C-alpha atoms as a PDB file:
ATOM      1  CA  UNK A   1      31.622  12.140  -1.010  1.00  0.00           C
ATOM      2  CA  UNK A   2      28.967  12.194   1.623  1.00  0.00           C
ATOM      3  CA  UNK A   3      26.654   9.255   2.120  1.00  0.00           C
ATOM      4  CA  UNK A   4      23.297   9.890   3.701  1.00  0.00           C
ATOM      5  CA  UNK A   5      21.587   6.873   5.188  1.00  0.00           C
ATOM      6  CA  UNK A   6      18.153   6.842   6.700  1.00  0.00           C
ATOM      7  CA  UNK A   7      16.521   4.128   8.743  1.00  0.00           C
ATOM      8  CA  UNK A   8      13.218   2.522   7.898  1.00  0.00           C
ATOM      9  CA  UNK A   9      10.238   4.813   8.425  1.00  0.00           C
ATOM     10  CA  UNK A  10       7.823   4.059  11.225  1.00  0.00           C
ATOM     11  CA  UNK A  11       4.076   3.848  10.680  1.00  0.00           C
ATOM     12  CA  UNK A  12       3.514   7.533  11.543  1.00  0.00           C
ATOM     13  CA  UNK A  13       6.010   8.598   8.869  1.00  0.00           C
ATOM     14  CA  UNK A  14       4.348   6.307   6.325  1.00  0.00           C
ATOM     15  CA  UNK A  15       0.942   7.794   7.183  1.00  0.00           C
ATOM     16  CA  UNK A  16       2.239  11.358   6.785  1.00  0.00           C
ATOM     17  CA  UNK A  17       3.821  10.554   3.417  1.00  0.00           C
ATOM     18  CA  UNK A  18       0.700   8.784   2.142  1.00  0.00           C
ATOM     19  CA  UNK A  19      -1.523  11.703   3.178  1.00  0.00           C
ATOM     20  CA  UNK A  20       0.801  14.059   1.325  1.00  0.00           C
ATOM     21  CA  UNK A  21       0.519  11.920  -1.808  1.00  0.00           C
ATOM     22  CA  UNK A  22      -3.289  11.928  -1.590  1.00  0.00           C
ATOM     23  CA  UNK A  23      -3.413  15.688  -1.093  1.00  0.00           C
ATOM     24  CA  UNK A  24      -1.088  16.299  -4.044  1.00  0.00           C
ATOM     25  CA  UNK A  25      -3.492  14.473  -6.375  1.00  0.00           C
ATOM     26  CA  UNK A  26      -6.142  17.181  -5.960  1.00  0.00           C
ATOM     27  CA  UNK A  27      -8.895  14.672  -5.389  1.00  0.00           C
ATOM     28  CA  UNK A  28     -11.649  15.946  -3.190  1.00  0.00           C
ATOM     29  CA  UNK A  29     -14.718  14.420  -1.714  1.00  0.00           C
ATOM     30  CA  UNK A  30     -15.686  10.824  -1.143  1.00  0.00           C
ATOM     31  CA  UNK A  31     -12.861   9.175  -3.128  1.00  0.00           C
ATOM     32  CA  UNK A  32     -10.135  10.982  -1.204  1.00  0.00           C
ATOM     33  CA  UNK A  33     -11.870  10.325   2.112  1.00  0.00           C
ATOM     34  CA  UNK A  34     -12.255   6.608   1.316  1.00  0.00           C
ATOM     35  CA  UNK A  35      -8.497   6.337   0.828  1.00  0.00           C
ATOM     36  CA  UNK A  36      -7.445   8.661   3.630  1.00  0.00           C
ATOM     37  CA  UNK A  37      -9.461   6.786   6.260  1.00  0.00           C
ATOM     38  CA  UNK A  38      -7.535   3.601   5.337  1.00  0.00           C
ATOM     39  CA  UNK A  39      -4.051   5.143   5.201  1.00  0.00           C
ATOM     40  CA  UNK A  40      -3.196   3.967   8.725  1.00  0.00           C
ATOM     41  CA  UNK A  41      -4.185   0.407   7.827  1.00  0.00           C
ATOM     42  CA  UNK A  42      -2.311   0.557   4.501  1.00  0.00           C
ATOM     43  CA  UNK A  43       0.799   1.800   6.336  1.00  0.00           C
ATOM     44  CA  UNK A  44       0.500  -0.963   8.935  1.00  0.00           C
ATOM     45  CA  UNK A  45       0.158  -3.586   6.179  1.00  0.00           C
ATOM     46  CA  UNK A  46       3.258  -2.283   4.384  1.00  0.00           C
ATOM     47  CA  UNK A  47       5.171  -2.191   7.648  1.00  0.00           C
ATOM     48  CA  UNK A  48       4.070  -5.762   8.446  1.00  0.00           C
ATOM     49  CA  UNK A  49       5.091  -6.975   4.991  1.00  0.00           C
ATOM     50  CA  UNK A  50       8.540  -5.412   5.149  1.00  0.00           C
ATOM     51  CA  UNK A  51       9.450  -5.704   8.835  1.00  0.00           C
ATOM     52  CA  UNK A  52      12.120  -8.107   9.859  1.00  0.00           C
ATOM     53  CA  UNK A  53      10.711 -11.103  11.669  1.00  0.00           C
ATOM     54  CA  UNK A  54      13.369 -13.259  13.282  1.00  0.00           C
ATOM     55  CA  UNK A  55      11.065 -16.275  13.280  1.00  0.00           C
ATOM     56  CA  UNK A  56      10.493 -16.125   9.534  1.00  0.00           C
ATOM     57  CA  UNK A  57      13.466 -17.252   7.411  1.00  0.00           C
ATOM     58  CA  UNK A  58      12.754 -15.107   4.307  1.00  0.00           C
ATOM     59  CA  UNK A  59      11.786 -11.868   6.048  1.00  0.00           C
ATOM     60  CA  UNK A  60      15.231 -10.296   5.490  1.00  0.00           C
ATOM     61  CA  UNK A  61      14.974 -10.958   1.755  1.00  0.00           C
ATOM     62  CA  UNK A  62      11.489  -9.362   1.706  1.00  0.00           C
ATOM     63  CA  UNK A  63      12.737  -6.333   3.569  1.00  0.00           C
ATOM     64  CA  UNK A  64      15.516  -5.857   1.029  1.00  0.00           C
ATOM     65  CA  UNK A  65      13.260  -6.595  -1.960  1.00  0.00           C
ATOM     66  CA  UNK A  66      10.443  -4.152  -1.240  1.00  0.00           C
ATOM     67  CA  UNK A  67      11.102  -0.475  -0.779  1.00  0.00           C
ATOM     68  CA  UNK A  68       9.373   2.787  -0.013  1.00  0.00           C
ATOM     69  CA  UNK A  69       8.940   3.408  -3.725  1.00  0.00           C
ATOM     70  CA  UNK A  70       6.586   0.389  -3.785  1.00  0.00           C
ATOM     71  CA  UNK A  71       4.488   1.879  -0.970  1.00  0.00           C
ATOM     72  CA  UNK A  72       4.335   5.331  -2.569  1.00  0.00           C
ATOM     73  CA  UNK A  73       3.437   3.757  -5.898  1.00  0.00           C
ATOM     74  CA  UNK A  74       0.669   1.757  -4.186  1.00  0.00           C
ATOM     75  CA  UNK A  75      -0.898   4.936  -2.792  1.00  0.00           C
ATOM     76  CA  UNK A  76      -0.645   6.675  -6.177  1.00  0.00           C
ATOM     77  CA  UNK A  77      -2.226   3.701  -7.923  1.00  0.00           C
ATOM     78  CA  UNK A  78      -5.100   3.492  -5.423  1.00  0.00           C
ATOM     79  CA  UNK A  79      -5.929   7.148  -6.052  1.00  0.00           C
ATOM     80  CA  UNK A  80      -5.621   6.720  -9.831  1.00  0.00           C
ATOM     81  CA  UNK A  81      -7.810   3.597  -9.956  1.00  0.00           C
ATOM     82  CA  UNK A  82     -10.521   5.076  -7.729  1.00  0.00           C
ATOM     83  CA  UNK A  83     -10.671   8.111 -10.013  1.00  0.00           C
ATOM     84  CA  UNK A  84     -10.546   6.005 -13.188  1.00  0.00           C
ATOM     85  CA  UNK A  85     -13.384   3.729 -12.060  1.00  0.00           C
ATOM     86  CA  UNK A  86     -15.237   6.520 -10.230  1.00  0.00           C
ATOM     87  CA  UNK A  87     -15.575   4.395  -7.116  1.00  0.00           C
ATOM     88  CA  UNK A  88     -14.584   4.407  -3.491  1.00  0.00           C
ATOM     89  CA  UNK A  89     -11.650   2.292  -2.403  1.00  0.00           C
ATOM     90  CA  UNK A  90     -12.683  -1.369  -2.468  1.00  0.00           C
ATOM     91  CA  UNK A  91     -11.110  -4.823  -2.426  1.00  0.00           C
ATOM     92  CA  UNK A  92     -10.935  -5.155  -6.223  1.00  0.00           C
ATOM     93  CA  UNK A  93      -8.864  -1.997  -6.460  1.00  0.00           C
ATOM     94  CA  UNK A  94      -6.704  -2.892  -3.460  1.00  0.00           C
ATOM     95  CA  UNK A  95      -5.965  -6.395  -4.804  1.00  0.00           C
ATOM     96  CA  UNK A  96      -4.981  -5.087  -8.213  1.00  0.00           C
ATOM     97  CA  UNK A  97      -2.704  -2.376  -6.805  1.00  0.00           C
ATOM     98  CA  UNK A  98      -1.061  -4.710  -4.254  1.00  0.00           C
ATOM     99  CA  UNK A  99      -0.378  -7.381  -6.890  1.00  0.00           C
ATOM    100  CA  UNK A 100       1.052  -4.751  -9.205  1.00  0.00           C
ATOM    101  CA  UNK A 101       3.319  -3.165  -6.589  1.00  0.00           C
ATOM    102  CA  UNK A 102       4.212  -6.089  -4.336  1.00  0.00           C
ATOM    103  CA  UNK A 103       4.103  -9.136  -6.592  1.00  0.00           C
ATOM    104  CA  UNK A 104       7.326 -10.900  -7.429  1.00  0.00           C
ATOM    105  CA  UNK A 105       8.273 -12.936  -4.394  1.00  0.00           C
ATOM    106  CA  UNK A 106       6.791 -16.386  -4.160  1.00  0.00           C
ATOM    107  CA  UNK A 107       7.243 -16.754  -0.380  1.00  0.00           C
ATOM    108  CA  UNK A 108       5.216 -13.676   0.515  1.00  0.00           C
ATOM    109  CA  UNK A 109       1.475 -13.226   0.237  1.00  0.00           C
ATOM    110  CA  UNK A 110       1.097  -9.443   0.192  1.00  0.00           C
ATOM    111  CA  UNK A 111      -2.552  -9.549  -0.904  1.00  0.00           C
ATOM    112  CA  UNK A 112      -3.458 -11.576   2.179  1.00  0.00           C
ATOM    113  CA  UNK A 113      -1.537  -9.231   4.490  1.00  0.00           C
ATOM    114  CA  UNK A 114      -3.160  -6.126   3.019  1.00  0.00           C
ATOM    115  CA  UNK A 115      -6.669  -7.612   2.957  1.00  0.00           C
ATOM    116  CA  UNK A 116      -6.414  -8.727   6.593  1.00  0.00           C
ATOM    117  CA  UNK A 117      -5.277  -5.311   7.789  1.00  0.00           C
ATOM    118  CA  UNK A 118      -7.227  -3.096   5.384  1.00  0.00           C
ATOM    119  CA  UNK A 119     -10.828  -4.226   5.686  1.00  0.00           C
ATOM    120  CA  UNK A 120     -12.763  -3.133   2.609  1.00  0.00           C
ATOM    121  CA  UNK A 121     -16.008  -4.049   0.868  1.00  0.00           C
ATOM    122  CA  UNK A 122     -15.623  -6.265  -2.197  1.00  0.00           C
ATOM    123  CA  UNK A 123     -16.799  -3.585  -4.588  1.00  0.00           C
ATOM    124  CA  UNK A 124     -18.379  -3.886  -8.004  1.00  0.00           C
ATOM    125  CA  UNK A 125     -16.167  -1.459  -9.883  1.00  0.00           C
ATOM    126  CA  UNK A 126     -12.474  -1.906 -10.432  1.00  0.00           C
ATOM    127  CA  UNK A 127      -9.960  -3.835 -12.478  1.00  0.00           C
ATOM    128  CA  UNK A 128     -10.332  -7.572 -12.804  1.00  0.00           C
ATOM    129  CA  UNK A 129      -7.390  -8.776 -10.766  1.00  0.00           C
ATOM    130  CA  UNK A 130      -8.041 -12.498 -10.869  1.00  0.00           C
END
């Protein structure tokens, strides 16, 4: 058989994929724009979370634990939640989606990484992710 292996995507590839996901959801207007203007920051946060850092002992485990499916699912969930709550992307929605897609490892703090790199208003509408 033939095995096809592909390296990790860079930030530009993540951005292109995330934009494609947003466009495929047929959302128009302010909700789509609120997500699309943060796609670069979301991609950078994912890349930061999953990149191998020689200084950090558990970074290899994190890189193997999280995958592109988690990133794509995050983008899908952000779109879904913004539509469901009829609100622009905000911190409540981001926190909920990040916990849902990147929870599971006790050594990583994905919410902190995403919140530092994706600056958003707190928001009044969204799931309670406390």
